[in-house]
N, C-alpha and C. Protein backbone atom coordinates (compact mmCIF):
# COMPACT_ATOMS: atom_id res chain seq x y z
N UNK A 1 20.24 -1.65 -11.38
CA UNK A 1 18.80 -1.76 -11.51
C UNK A 1 18.17 -1.53 -10.14
N UNK A 2 17.05 -0.86 -10.15
CA UNK A 2 16.27 -0.68 -8.94
C UNK A 2 14.98 -1.47 -9.11
N UNK A 3 14.62 -2.21 -8.08
CA UNK A 3 13.38 -2.98 -8.10
C UNK A 3 12.40 -2.35 -7.12
N UNK A 4 11.22 -2.00 -7.63
CA UNK A 4 10.12 -1.55 -6.79
C UNK A 4 9.24 -2.76 -6.54
N UNK A 5 9.22 -3.22 -5.30
CA UNK A 5 8.56 -4.48 -4.94
C UNK A 5 7.29 -4.17 -4.17
N UNK A 6 6.17 -4.67 -4.67
CA UNK A 6 4.87 -4.33 -4.11
C UNK A 6 4.22 -5.46 -3.32
N UNK A 7 4.79 -6.67 -3.36
CA UNK A 7 4.18 -7.80 -2.64
C UNK A 7 5.26 -8.67 -2.01
N UNK A 8 4.84 -9.46 -1.03
CA UNK A 8 5.76 -10.40 -0.39
C UNK A 8 6.29 -11.44 -1.37
N UNK A 9 5.43 -11.90 -2.28
CA UNK A 9 5.86 -12.87 -3.28
C UNK A 9 6.93 -12.27 -4.19
N UNK A 10 6.72 -11.00 -4.54
CA UNK A 10 7.71 -10.32 -5.39
C UNK A 10 9.05 -10.19 -4.70
N UNK A 11 9.03 -9.94 -3.40
CA UNK A 11 10.26 -9.85 -2.63
C UNK A 11 11.04 -11.16 -2.70
N UNK A 12 10.38 -12.27 -2.51
CA UNK A 12 11.04 -13.58 -2.58
C UNK A 12 11.61 -13.84 -3.96
N UNK A 13 10.85 -13.50 -4.99
CA UNK A 13 11.31 -13.72 -6.36
C UNK A 13 12.53 -12.88 -6.69
N UNK A 14 12.51 -11.62 -6.28
CA UNK A 14 13.62 -10.72 -6.59
C UNK A 14 14.90 -11.18 -5.89
N UNK A 15 14.79 -11.68 -4.66
CA UNK A 15 15.99 -12.17 -3.97
C UNK A 15 16.64 -13.31 -4.74
N UNK A 16 15.87 -14.03 -5.54
CA UNK A 16 16.42 -15.14 -6.34
C UNK A 16 17.11 -14.66 -7.61
N UNK A 17 16.72 -13.49 -8.13
CA UNK A 17 17.27 -13.08 -9.43
C UNK A 17 18.13 -11.81 -9.40
N UNK A 18 17.97 -10.98 -8.40
CA UNK A 18 18.70 -9.71 -8.35
C UNK A 18 20.15 -9.94 -7.91
N UNK A 19 20.96 -8.94 -8.17
CA UNK A 19 22.37 -8.96 -7.78
C UNK A 19 22.55 -7.99 -6.61
N UNK A 20 22.82 -8.52 -5.44
CA UNK A 20 22.91 -7.65 -4.26
C UNK A 20 24.09 -6.69 -4.31
N UNK A 21 25.05 -6.95 -5.19
CA UNK A 21 26.19 -6.05 -5.31
C UNK A 21 25.87 -4.80 -6.13
N UNK A 22 24.88 -4.88 -7.01
CA UNK A 22 24.61 -3.75 -7.89
C UNK A 22 23.16 -3.25 -7.86
N UNK A 23 22.22 -4.08 -7.46
CA UNK A 23 20.81 -3.72 -7.50
C UNK A 23 20.35 -3.15 -6.16
N UNK A 24 19.31 -2.31 -6.23
CA UNK A 24 18.70 -1.73 -5.04
C UNK A 24 17.26 -2.19 -4.96
N UNK A 25 16.79 -2.50 -3.77
CA UNK A 25 15.43 -2.98 -3.58
C UNK A 25 14.64 -1.96 -2.77
N UNK A 26 13.49 -1.56 -3.30
CA UNK A 26 12.57 -0.67 -2.60
C UNK A 26 11.30 -1.45 -2.34
N UNK A 27 10.92 -1.56 -1.08
CA UNK A 27 9.77 -2.37 -0.69
C UNK A 27 8.58 -1.52 -0.29
N UNK A 28 7.42 -2.02 -0.68
CA UNK A 28 6.18 -1.45 -0.19
C UNK A 28 6.13 -1.69 1.31
N UNK A 29 5.64 -0.73 2.04
CA UNK A 29 5.55 -0.84 3.49
C UNK A 29 4.53 -1.91 3.88
N UNK A 30 4.92 -2.78 4.81
CA UNK A 30 4.00 -3.76 5.37
C UNK A 30 3.85 -5.06 4.61
N UNK A 31 4.65 -5.28 3.56
CA UNK A 31 4.48 -6.50 2.77
C UNK A 31 5.38 -7.64 3.24
N UNK A 32 6.44 -7.30 3.96
CA UNK A 32 7.40 -8.30 4.43
C UNK A 32 7.65 -8.02 5.91
N UNK A 33 7.69 -9.06 6.71
CA UNK A 33 7.96 -8.91 8.14
C UNK A 33 9.32 -8.25 8.36
N UNK A 34 9.38 -7.43 9.40
CA UNK A 34 10.63 -6.73 9.72
C UNK A 34 11.79 -7.70 9.90
N UNK A 35 11.55 -8.86 10.50
CA UNK A 35 12.61 -9.85 10.69
C UNK A 35 13.19 -10.31 9.36
N UNK A 36 12.32 -10.53 8.37
CA UNK A 36 12.78 -10.98 7.05
C UNK A 36 13.57 -9.88 6.34
N UNK A 37 13.11 -8.65 6.47
CA UNK A 37 13.83 -7.53 5.87
C UNK A 37 15.20 -7.39 6.53
N UNK A 38 15.24 -7.42 7.86
CA UNK A 38 16.52 -7.31 8.57
C UNK A 38 17.47 -8.45 8.24
N UNK A 39 16.94 -9.65 8.08
CA UNK A 39 17.79 -10.80 7.71
C UNK A 39 18.39 -10.59 6.33
N UNK A 40 17.60 -10.08 5.40
CA UNK A 40 18.12 -9.82 4.05
C UNK A 40 19.17 -8.71 4.06
N UNK A 41 18.94 -7.68 4.86
CA UNK A 41 19.92 -6.60 4.99
C UNK A 41 21.23 -7.12 5.57
N UNK A 42 21.13 -8.00 6.57
CA UNK A 42 22.34 -8.59 7.17
C UNK A 42 23.12 -9.43 6.16
N UNK A 43 22.42 -9.97 5.16
CA UNK A 43 23.07 -10.75 4.10
C UNK A 43 23.63 -9.86 2.99
N UNK A 44 23.48 -8.55 3.15
CA UNK A 44 24.09 -7.63 2.19
C UNK A 44 23.15 -7.00 1.18
N UNK A 45 21.86 -7.25 1.29
CA UNK A 45 20.92 -6.65 0.35
C UNK A 45 20.69 -5.18 0.67
N UNK A 46 20.82 -4.30 -0.34
CA UNK A 46 20.52 -2.88 -0.13
C UNK A 46 19.01 -2.66 -0.24
N UNK A 47 18.34 -2.56 0.89
CA UNK A 47 16.88 -2.49 0.93
C UNK A 47 16.43 -1.19 1.59
N UNK A 48 15.46 -0.56 0.96
CA UNK A 48 14.77 0.59 1.54
C UNK A 48 13.29 0.24 1.59
N UNK A 49 12.63 0.63 2.66
CA UNK A 49 11.19 0.39 2.80
C UNK A 49 10.50 1.75 2.83
N UNK A 50 9.49 1.90 1.98
CA UNK A 50 8.74 3.16 1.98
C UNK A 50 8.11 3.39 3.34
N UNK A 51 8.06 4.64 3.76
CA UNK A 51 7.47 4.99 5.06
C UNK A 51 5.97 4.75 5.04
N UNK A 52 5.33 5.03 3.92
CA UNK A 52 3.89 4.84 3.78
C UNK A 52 3.61 3.69 2.82
N UNK A 53 2.47 3.06 2.99
CA UNK A 53 2.09 1.96 2.10
C UNK A 53 1.72 2.49 0.73
N UNK A 54 2.19 1.80 -0.30
CA UNK A 54 1.83 2.10 -1.68
C UNK A 54 0.62 1.24 -2.02
N UNK A 55 -0.45 1.86 -2.50
CA UNK A 55 -1.61 1.10 -2.93
C UNK A 55 -1.26 0.43 -4.25
N UNK A 56 -0.99 -0.86 -4.21
CA UNK A 56 -0.52 -1.59 -5.39
C UNK A 56 -1.58 -1.70 -6.48
N UNK A 57 -2.81 -1.36 -6.16
CA UNK A 57 -3.88 -1.41 -7.16
C UNK A 57 -4.13 -0.03 -7.77
N UNK A 58 -3.38 0.96 -7.32
CA UNK A 58 -3.56 2.34 -7.80
C UNK A 58 -2.35 2.75 -8.64
N UNK A 59 -2.61 2.98 -9.91
CA UNK A 59 -1.54 3.42 -10.79
C UNK A 59 -0.94 4.74 -10.31
N UNK A 60 -1.77 5.62 -9.79
CA UNK A 60 -1.31 6.91 -9.28
C UNK A 60 -0.33 6.73 -8.12
N UNK A 61 -0.61 5.80 -7.22
CA UNK A 61 0.29 5.54 -6.09
C UNK A 61 1.62 4.97 -6.56
N UNK A 62 1.57 4.10 -7.54
CA UNK A 62 2.80 3.50 -8.07
C UNK A 62 3.64 4.56 -8.78
N UNK A 63 2.99 5.40 -9.57
CA UNK A 63 3.70 6.47 -10.27
C UNK A 63 4.35 7.43 -9.27
N UNK A 64 3.66 7.74 -8.20
CA UNK A 64 4.22 8.62 -7.15
C UNK A 64 5.49 8.00 -6.56
N UNK A 65 5.45 6.70 -6.29
CA UNK A 65 6.62 6.00 -5.75
C UNK A 65 7.76 6.01 -6.77
N UNK A 66 7.44 5.80 -8.03
CA UNK A 66 8.46 5.81 -9.09
C UNK A 66 9.13 7.19 -9.19
N UNK A 67 8.34 8.23 -9.12
CA UNK A 67 8.90 9.58 -9.21
C UNK A 67 9.84 9.86 -8.05
N UNK A 68 9.49 9.37 -6.87
CA UNK A 68 10.37 9.55 -5.71
C UNK A 68 11.71 8.86 -5.95
N UNK A 69 11.67 7.63 -6.44
CA UNK A 69 12.90 6.88 -6.71
C UNK A 69 13.71 7.56 -7.82
N UNK A 70 13.02 7.98 -8.88
CA UNK A 70 13.72 8.63 -10.01
C UNK A 70 14.44 9.90 -9.58
N UNK A 71 13.90 10.63 -8.61
CA UNK A 71 14.59 11.84 -8.13
C UNK A 71 15.90 11.48 -7.47
N UNK A 72 15.92 10.37 -6.74
CA UNK A 72 17.13 9.97 -6.03
C UNK A 72 18.18 9.35 -6.97
N UNK A 73 17.72 8.58 -7.96
CA UNK A 73 18.60 7.90 -8.90
C UNK A 73 18.09 8.11 -10.32
N UNK A 74 18.32 9.30 -10.89
CA UNK A 74 17.74 9.62 -12.19
C UNK A 74 18.27 8.79 -13.37
N UNK A 75 19.41 8.19 -13.23
CA UNK A 75 20.00 7.45 -14.35
C UNK A 75 19.89 5.93 -14.20
N UNK A 76 19.14 5.47 -13.22
CA UNK A 76 18.99 4.03 -12.98
C UNK A 76 17.73 3.49 -13.67
N UNK A 77 17.82 2.27 -14.15
CA UNK A 77 16.64 1.57 -14.65
C UNK A 77 15.83 1.09 -13.45
N UNK A 78 14.51 1.14 -13.59
CA UNK A 78 13.62 0.70 -12.52
C UNK A 78 12.71 -0.38 -13.05
N UNK A 79 12.67 -1.48 -12.34
CA UNK A 79 11.77 -2.59 -12.65
C UNK A 79 10.65 -2.58 -11.60
N UNK A 80 9.41 -2.56 -12.07
CA UNK A 80 8.26 -2.50 -11.16
C UNK A 80 7.53 -3.83 -11.19
N UNK A 81 7.26 -4.35 -10.03
CA UNK A 81 6.43 -5.55 -9.91
C UNK A 81 4.97 -5.13 -9.99
N UNK A 82 4.30 -5.59 -11.02
CA UNK A 82 2.86 -5.31 -11.14
C UNK A 82 2.09 -6.53 -10.70
N UNK A 83 1.05 -6.31 -9.92
CA UNK A 83 0.24 -7.40 -9.40
C UNK A 83 -0.84 -7.76 -10.39
């Protein structure tokens, strides 16, 4: 499963329920401090951070991010955090 995380709260929640051995986390840029992201990566979480910020209130921005992820992993399920 791939998780598209759009908020800091969502990041905390996903760390509680996701499986770091099989799930991938994609974070909106600027929602979590670099130190927290690096600490999670050191604990084994596969995390990617978008280079540009996704406007979490724009369906078009979210769809664009989803399409990018789908190109890289076309057969993976994607869970999107909606605000």
